[in-house]
Amino acid sequence: MKQENLGPRYHIRDVKVEADGFAGLDLAIGKVDRIERLVEVVQRVAASRNAERIGRTEEVLVESPSRTDPHLLRGRTRRNTTVNFAGAAVAGDLVEVRIEAATSTTLRGVQAVPVAA
């Protein structure tokens, strides 16, 4: 789904009010600051937790090709984390993926090759 360009977006801190009767604007600015700080903390914690998964092998349900790189596959772990990985599988397959990198929202890896016994 393509998002239409609705013109420039303004942050509430960019709004300058010089008229009387806008005391609530200070409260709105404080609210935005608190939300931004909360988002930063949540992203930092998520990035840290995902970084702990680097080096592990996780079971991934393959969904489709990656949206950003058609040479990669996209899937989800049992914890519902998105994983982009190199490998050979089709949608619906369960594969083992060795996690090599992480951000606060996604993991990146390579499909693990089973060792013959």
N, C-alpha and C. Protein backbone atom coordinates (compact mmCIF):
# COMPACT_ATOMS: atom_id res chain seq x y z
N MET A 1 0.83 -1.17 0.00
CA MET A 1 0.00 0.00 0.00
C MET A 1 0.88 1.24 0.00
N LYS A 2 0.68 2.10 -0.99
CA LYS A 2 1.51 3.29 -1.12
C LYS A 2 0.91 4.42 -0.29
N GLN A 3 1.75 5.07 0.47
CA GLN A 3 1.29 6.18 1.29
C GLN A 3 1.39 7.47 0.48
N GLU A 4 0.32 8.24 0.48
CA GLU A 4 0.32 9.49 -0.25
C GLU A 4 1.14 10.53 0.50
N ASN A 5 1.75 11.43 -0.26
CA ASN A 5 2.46 12.54 0.35
C ASN A 5 1.44 13.59 0.74
N LEU A 6 1.26 13.78 2.03
CA LEU A 6 0.27 14.71 2.53
C LEU A 6 0.88 16.06 2.88
N GLY A 7 2.05 16.31 2.37
CA GLY A 7 2.71 17.58 2.65
C GLY A 7 3.62 17.47 3.84
N PRO A 8 4.21 18.59 4.25
CA PRO A 8 5.17 18.57 5.37
C PRO A 8 4.49 18.21 6.68
N ARG A 9 5.23 17.54 7.53
CA ARG A 9 4.74 17.20 8.86
C ARG A 9 5.45 18.10 9.86
N TYR A 10 4.70 18.55 10.82
CA TYR A 10 5.26 19.45 11.82
C TYR A 10 5.24 18.78 13.18
N HIS A 11 6.30 18.97 13.91
CA HIS A 11 6.38 18.48 15.27
C HIS A 11 5.77 19.54 16.16
N ILE A 12 5.11 19.12 17.22
CA ILE A 12 4.42 20.08 18.08
C ILE A 12 5.39 21.12 18.66
N ARG A 13 6.68 20.77 18.81
CA ARG A 13 7.63 21.74 19.32
C ARG A 13 7.94 22.82 18.30
N ASP A 14 7.60 22.58 17.02
CA ASP A 14 7.83 23.58 15.98
C ASP A 14 6.76 24.67 15.99
N VAL A 15 5.69 24.44 16.72
CA VAL A 15 4.57 25.37 16.74
C VAL A 15 4.86 26.47 17.76
N LYS A 16 4.80 27.71 17.32
CA LYS A 16 5.00 28.84 18.22
C LYS A 16 3.68 29.58 18.34
N VAL A 17 3.24 29.74 19.57
CA VAL A 17 1.97 30.41 19.81
C VAL A 17 2.25 31.68 20.60
N GLU A 18 1.77 32.81 20.09
CA GLU A 18 2.01 34.08 20.76
C GLU A 18 0.72 34.71 21.23
N ALA A 19 -0.36 33.97 21.17
CA ALA A 19 -1.65 34.51 21.60
C ALA A 19 -1.96 34.03 23.01
N ASP A 20 -2.85 34.74 23.67
CA ASP A 20 -3.29 34.34 25.00
C ASP A 20 -4.21 33.13 24.90
N GLY A 21 -4.33 32.40 25.99
CA GLY A 21 -5.29 31.30 26.03
C GLY A 21 -4.73 29.97 25.55
N PHE A 22 -3.42 29.85 25.38
CA PHE A 22 -2.86 28.59 24.91
C PHE A 22 -1.95 27.96 25.96
N ALA A 23 -2.35 28.01 27.21
CA ALA A 23 -1.56 27.43 28.30
C ALA A 23 -1.46 25.92 28.13
N GLY A 24 -2.46 25.31 27.50
CA GLY A 24 -2.44 23.87 27.28
C GLY A 24 -1.34 23.42 26.36
N LEU A 25 -0.80 24.32 25.56
CA LEU A 25 0.27 23.95 24.63
C LEU A 25 1.51 23.49 25.38
N ASP A 26 1.82 24.17 26.50
CA ASP A 26 2.98 23.74 27.31
C ASP A 26 2.79 22.32 27.82
N LEU A 27 1.56 21.97 28.20
CA LEU A 27 1.28 20.61 28.65
C LEU A 27 1.46 19.63 27.50
N ALA A 28 1.01 20.00 26.30
CA ALA A 28 1.15 19.12 25.15
C ALA A 28 2.62 18.91 24.82
N ILE A 29 3.43 19.96 24.91
CA ILE A 29 4.86 19.83 24.63
C ILE A 29 5.50 18.90 25.65
N GLY A 30 5.13 19.02 26.91
CA GLY A 30 5.66 18.13 27.95
C GLY A 30 5.25 16.69 27.70
N LYS A 31 4.03 16.50 27.24
CA LYS A 31 3.55 15.14 26.94
C LYS A 31 4.36 14.53 25.80
N VAL A 32 4.61 15.31 24.76
CA VAL A 32 5.40 14.83 23.64
C VAL A 32 6.81 14.46 24.10
N ASP A 33 7.42 15.29 24.93
CA ASP A 33 8.76 15.00 25.44
C ASP A 33 8.77 13.68 26.22
N ARG A 34 7.76 13.46 27.06
CA ARG A 34 7.70 12.21 27.83
C ARG A 34 7.53 11.00 26.91
N ILE A 35 6.69 11.13 25.91
CA ILE A 35 6.48 10.02 24.97
C ILE A 35 7.77 9.72 24.21
N GLU A 36 8.46 10.77 23.76
CA GLU A 36 9.72 10.57 23.04
C GLU A 36 10.75 9.87 23.93
N ARG A 37 10.84 10.27 25.20
CA ARG A 37 11.78 9.62 26.12
C ARG A 37 11.40 8.16 26.33
N LEU A 38 10.10 7.89 26.45
CA LEU A 38 9.63 6.51 26.62
C LEU A 38 9.98 5.66 25.41
N VAL A 39 9.75 6.19 24.21
CA VAL A 39 10.08 5.45 22.98
C VAL A 39 11.58 5.15 22.93
N GLU A 40 12.42 6.12 23.30
CA GLU A 40 13.87 5.90 23.31
C GLU A 40 14.25 4.77 24.26
N VAL A 41 13.64 4.74 25.45
CA VAL A 41 13.95 3.69 26.43
C VAL A 41 13.49 2.33 25.90
N VAL A 42 12.29 2.27 25.35
CA VAL A 42 11.77 1.00 24.83
C VAL A 42 12.66 0.49 23.70
N GLN A 43 13.08 1.37 22.80
CA GLN A 43 13.95 0.94 21.70
C GLN A 43 15.31 0.48 22.21
N ARG A 44 15.85 1.18 23.20
CA ARG A 44 17.15 0.78 23.76
C ARG A 44 17.06 -0.59 24.42
N VAL A 45 16.01 -0.84 25.18
CA VAL A 45 15.83 -2.14 25.84
C VAL A 45 15.62 -3.24 24.79
N ALA A 46 14.79 -2.98 23.78
CA ALA A 46 14.54 -3.97 22.74
C ALA A 46 15.83 -4.28 21.97
N ALA A 47 16.62 -3.26 21.66
CA ALA A 47 17.88 -3.49 20.95
C ALA A 47 18.83 -4.34 21.78
N SER A 48 18.87 -4.07 23.08
CA SER A 48 19.73 -4.85 23.98
C SER A 48 19.28 -6.31 24.05
N ARG A 49 17.97 -6.52 24.19
CA ARG A 49 17.45 -7.89 24.27
C ARG A 49 17.67 -8.64 22.96
N ASN A 50 17.47 -7.97 21.83
CA ASN A 50 17.70 -8.63 20.55
C ASN A 50 19.19 -8.90 20.32
N ALA A 51 20.06 -8.01 20.80
CA ALA A 51 21.50 -8.22 20.66
C ALA A 51 21.95 -9.49 21.39
N GLU A 52 21.27 -9.84 22.48
CA GLU A 52 21.60 -11.06 23.22
C GLU A 52 21.31 -12.31 22.38
N ARG A 53 20.50 -12.19 21.35
CA ARG A 53 20.14 -13.33 20.51
C ARG A 53 21.17 -13.59 19.40
N ILE A 54 22.11 -12.65 19.21
CA ILE A 54 23.15 -12.83 18.19
C ILE A 54 23.98 -14.05 18.54
N GLY A 55 24.22 -14.91 17.54
CA GLY A 55 24.98 -16.13 17.75
C GLY A 55 24.11 -17.34 18.02
N ARG A 56 22.87 -17.15 18.35
CA ARG A 56 21.94 -18.25 18.61
C ARG A 56 21.31 -18.72 17.31
N THR A 57 20.78 -19.91 17.34
CA THR A 57 20.01 -20.44 16.21
C THR A 57 18.56 -20.50 16.66
N GLU A 58 17.67 -19.90 15.85
CA GLU A 58 16.26 -19.84 16.21
C GLU A 58 15.40 -20.43 15.09
N GLU A 59 14.30 -21.04 15.50
CA GLU A 59 13.35 -21.57 14.54
C GLU A 59 12.54 -20.40 13.97
N VAL A 60 12.44 -20.37 12.63
CA VAL A 60 11.77 -19.26 11.96
C VAL A 60 10.72 -19.80 10.99
N LEU A 61 9.53 -19.24 11.03
CA LEU A 61 8.49 -19.54 10.05
C LEU A 61 8.66 -18.58 8.89
N VAL A 62 8.94 -19.11 7.71
CA VAL A 62 9.17 -18.28 6.52
C VAL A 62 7.85 -17.68 6.06
N GLU A 63 7.87 -16.35 5.81
CA GLU A 63 6.66 -15.66 5.36
C GLU A 63 6.71 -15.30 3.88
N SER A 64 7.83 -14.70 3.45
CA SER A 64 7.91 -14.17 2.08
C SER A 64 9.33 -13.68 1.82
N PRO A 65 9.58 -13.20 0.59
CA PRO A 65 10.86 -12.51 0.38
C PRO A 65 10.89 -11.24 1.23
N SER A 66 12.07 -10.80 1.57
CA SER A 66 12.23 -9.58 2.35
C SER A 66 11.68 -8.39 1.57
N ARG A 67 11.09 -7.45 2.27
CA ARG A 67 10.56 -6.25 1.60
C ARG A 67 11.67 -5.33 1.12
N THR A 68 12.82 -5.36 1.78
CA THR A 68 13.90 -4.44 1.44
C THR A 68 14.96 -5.04 0.54
N ASP A 69 15.07 -6.36 0.51
CA ASP A 69 16.09 -7.03 -0.30
C ASP A 69 15.51 -8.32 -0.85
N PRO A 70 15.22 -8.38 -2.15
CA PRO A 70 14.59 -9.58 -2.71
C PRO A 70 15.47 -10.83 -2.67
N HIS A 71 16.76 -10.67 -2.36
CA HIS A 71 17.65 -11.83 -2.24
C HIS A 71 17.56 -12.50 -0.88
N LEU A 72 16.85 -11.86 0.04
CA LEU A 72 16.69 -12.40 1.39
C LEU A 72 15.26 -12.87 1.60
N LEU A 73 15.08 -13.73 2.59
CA LEU A 73 13.75 -14.18 2.99
C LEU A 73 13.37 -13.46 4.29
N ARG A 74 12.07 -13.39 4.53
CA ARG A 74 11.58 -12.80 5.76
C ARG A 74 10.73 -13.82 6.48
N GLY A 75 10.88 -13.88 7.80
CA GLY A 75 10.07 -14.78 8.60
C GLY A 75 9.96 -14.27 10.01
N ARG A 76 9.33 -15.08 10.86
CA ARG A 76 9.14 -14.69 12.27
C ARG A 76 9.55 -15.83 13.19
N THR A 77 10.14 -15.42 14.31
CA THR A 77 10.53 -16.39 15.32
C THR A 77 9.31 -16.75 16.16
N ARG A 78 9.48 -17.68 17.09
CA ARG A 78 8.39 -18.03 18.00
C ARG A 78 8.01 -16.86 18.91
N ARG A 79 8.92 -15.91 19.07
CA ARG A 79 8.63 -14.70 19.86
C ARG A 79 8.08 -13.59 18.97
N ASN A 80 7.74 -13.92 17.72
CA ASN A 80 7.13 -12.99 16.76
C ASN A 80 8.06 -11.87 16.33
N THR A 81 9.37 -12.09 16.40
CA THR A 81 10.33 -11.10 15.93
C THR A 81 10.60 -11.35 14.46
N THR A 82 10.60 -10.27 13.66
CA THR A 82 10.89 -10.39 12.23
C THR A 82 12.36 -10.70 12.02
N VAL A 83 12.63 -11.66 11.12
CA VAL A 83 14.00 -12.04 10.78
C VAL A 83 14.14 -11.98 9.26
N ASN A 84 15.16 -11.27 8.78
CA ASN A 84 15.54 -11.29 7.38
C ASN A 84 16.78 -12.17 7.29
N PHE A 85 16.75 -13.13 6.36
CA PHE A 85 17.87 -14.07 6.32
C PHE A 85 18.11 -14.60 4.92
N ALA A 86 19.35 -15.02 4.69
CA ALA A 86 19.72 -15.67 3.44
C ALA A 86 19.45 -17.16 3.59
N GLY A 87 18.85 -17.74 2.57
CA GLY A 87 18.56 -19.16 2.64
C GLY A 87 17.69 -19.59 1.48
N ALA A 88 17.34 -20.86 1.50
CA ALA A 88 16.49 -21.44 0.46
C ALA A 88 15.30 -22.11 1.12
N ALA A 89 14.16 -21.45 1.04
CA ALA A 89 12.94 -21.99 1.64
C ALA A 89 11.75 -21.30 0.97
N VAL A 90 10.57 -21.83 1.23
CA VAL A 90 9.35 -21.21 0.70
C VAL A 90 8.44 -20.84 1.87
N ALA A 91 7.49 -19.96 1.59
CA ALA A 91 6.56 -19.53 2.62
C ALA A 91 5.89 -20.73 3.27
N GLY A 92 5.84 -20.73 4.58
CA GLY A 92 5.24 -21.82 5.33
C GLY A 92 6.25 -22.80 5.90
N ASP A 93 7.49 -22.78 5.39
CA ASP A 93 8.54 -23.66 5.92
C ASP A 93 9.00 -23.20 7.29
N LEU A 94 9.34 -24.15 8.15
CA LEU A 94 10.02 -23.86 9.41
C LEU A 94 11.49 -24.17 9.20
N VAL A 95 12.35 -23.18 9.40
CA VAL A 95 13.78 -23.37 9.19
C VAL A 95 14.55 -22.86 10.41
N GLU A 96 15.73 -23.36 10.58
CA GLU A 96 16.64 -22.89 11.62
C GLU A 96 17.49 -21.77 11.03
N VAL A 97 17.56 -20.63 11.73
CA VAL A 97 18.33 -19.48 11.27
C VAL A 97 19.32 -19.08 12.35
N ARG A 98 20.59 -18.93 11.94
CA ARG A 98 21.63 -18.46 12.86
C ARG A 98 21.60 -16.93 12.84
N ILE A 99 21.36 -16.31 13.97
CA ILE A 99 21.22 -14.86 14.07
C ILE A 99 22.61 -14.23 14.08
N GLU A 100 22.81 -13.26 13.16
CA GLU A 100 24.11 -12.61 13.02
C GLU A 100 24.11 -11.13 13.37
N ALA A 101 22.93 -10.50 13.35
CA ALA A 101 22.84 -9.06 13.66
C ALA A 101 21.44 -8.77 14.18
N ALA A 102 21.32 -7.63 14.86
CA ALA A 102 20.02 -7.28 15.45
C ALA A 102 19.87 -5.77 15.54
N THR A 103 18.61 -5.33 15.43
CA THR A 103 18.24 -3.95 15.73
C THR A 103 17.16 -4.04 16.81
N SER A 104 16.54 -2.93 17.13
CA SER A 104 15.49 -2.97 18.14
C SER A 104 14.24 -3.68 17.65
N THR A 105 14.07 -3.78 16.33
CA THR A 105 12.84 -4.38 15.79
C THR A 105 13.03 -5.63 14.96
N THR A 106 14.22 -5.85 14.43
CA THR A 106 14.43 -7.01 13.55
C THR A 106 15.73 -7.72 13.84
N LEU A 107 15.78 -8.96 13.34
CA LEU A 107 17.00 -9.76 13.40
C LEU A 107 17.45 -10.04 11.97
N ARG A 108 18.73 -10.33 11.80
CA ARG A 108 19.27 -10.69 10.49
C ARG A 108 20.12 -11.93 10.69
N GLY A 109 20.04 -12.86 9.72
CA GLY A 109 20.80 -14.09 9.88
C GLY A 109 20.96 -14.87 8.60
N VAL A 110 21.38 -16.12 8.78
CA VAL A 110 21.60 -17.05 7.68
C VAL A 110 20.97 -18.37 8.05
N GLN A 111 20.30 -18.98 7.09
CA GLN A 111 19.68 -20.28 7.34
C GLN A 111 20.76 -21.28 7.72
N ALA A 112 20.56 -21.95 8.82
CA ALA A 112 21.52 -22.95 9.31
C ALA A 112 21.39 -24.21 8.48
N VAL A 113 22.51 -24.78 8.12
CA VAL A 113 22.51 -26.02 7.35
C VAL A 113 22.64 -27.19 8.33
N PRO A 114 21.68 -28.10 8.31
CA PRO A 114 21.78 -29.26 9.22
C PRO A 114 23.03 -30.08 8.91
N VAL A 115 23.68 -30.54 9.96
CA VAL A 115 24.87 -31.38 9.82
C VAL A 115 24.44 -32.83 9.70
N ALA A 116 24.94 -33.51 8.67
CA ALA A 116 24.60 -34.92 8.50
C ALA A 116 25.26 -35.75 9.58
N ALA A 117 24.51 -36.70 10.13
CA ALA A 117 25.04 -37.53 11.22
C ALA A 117 25.81 -38.71 10.69
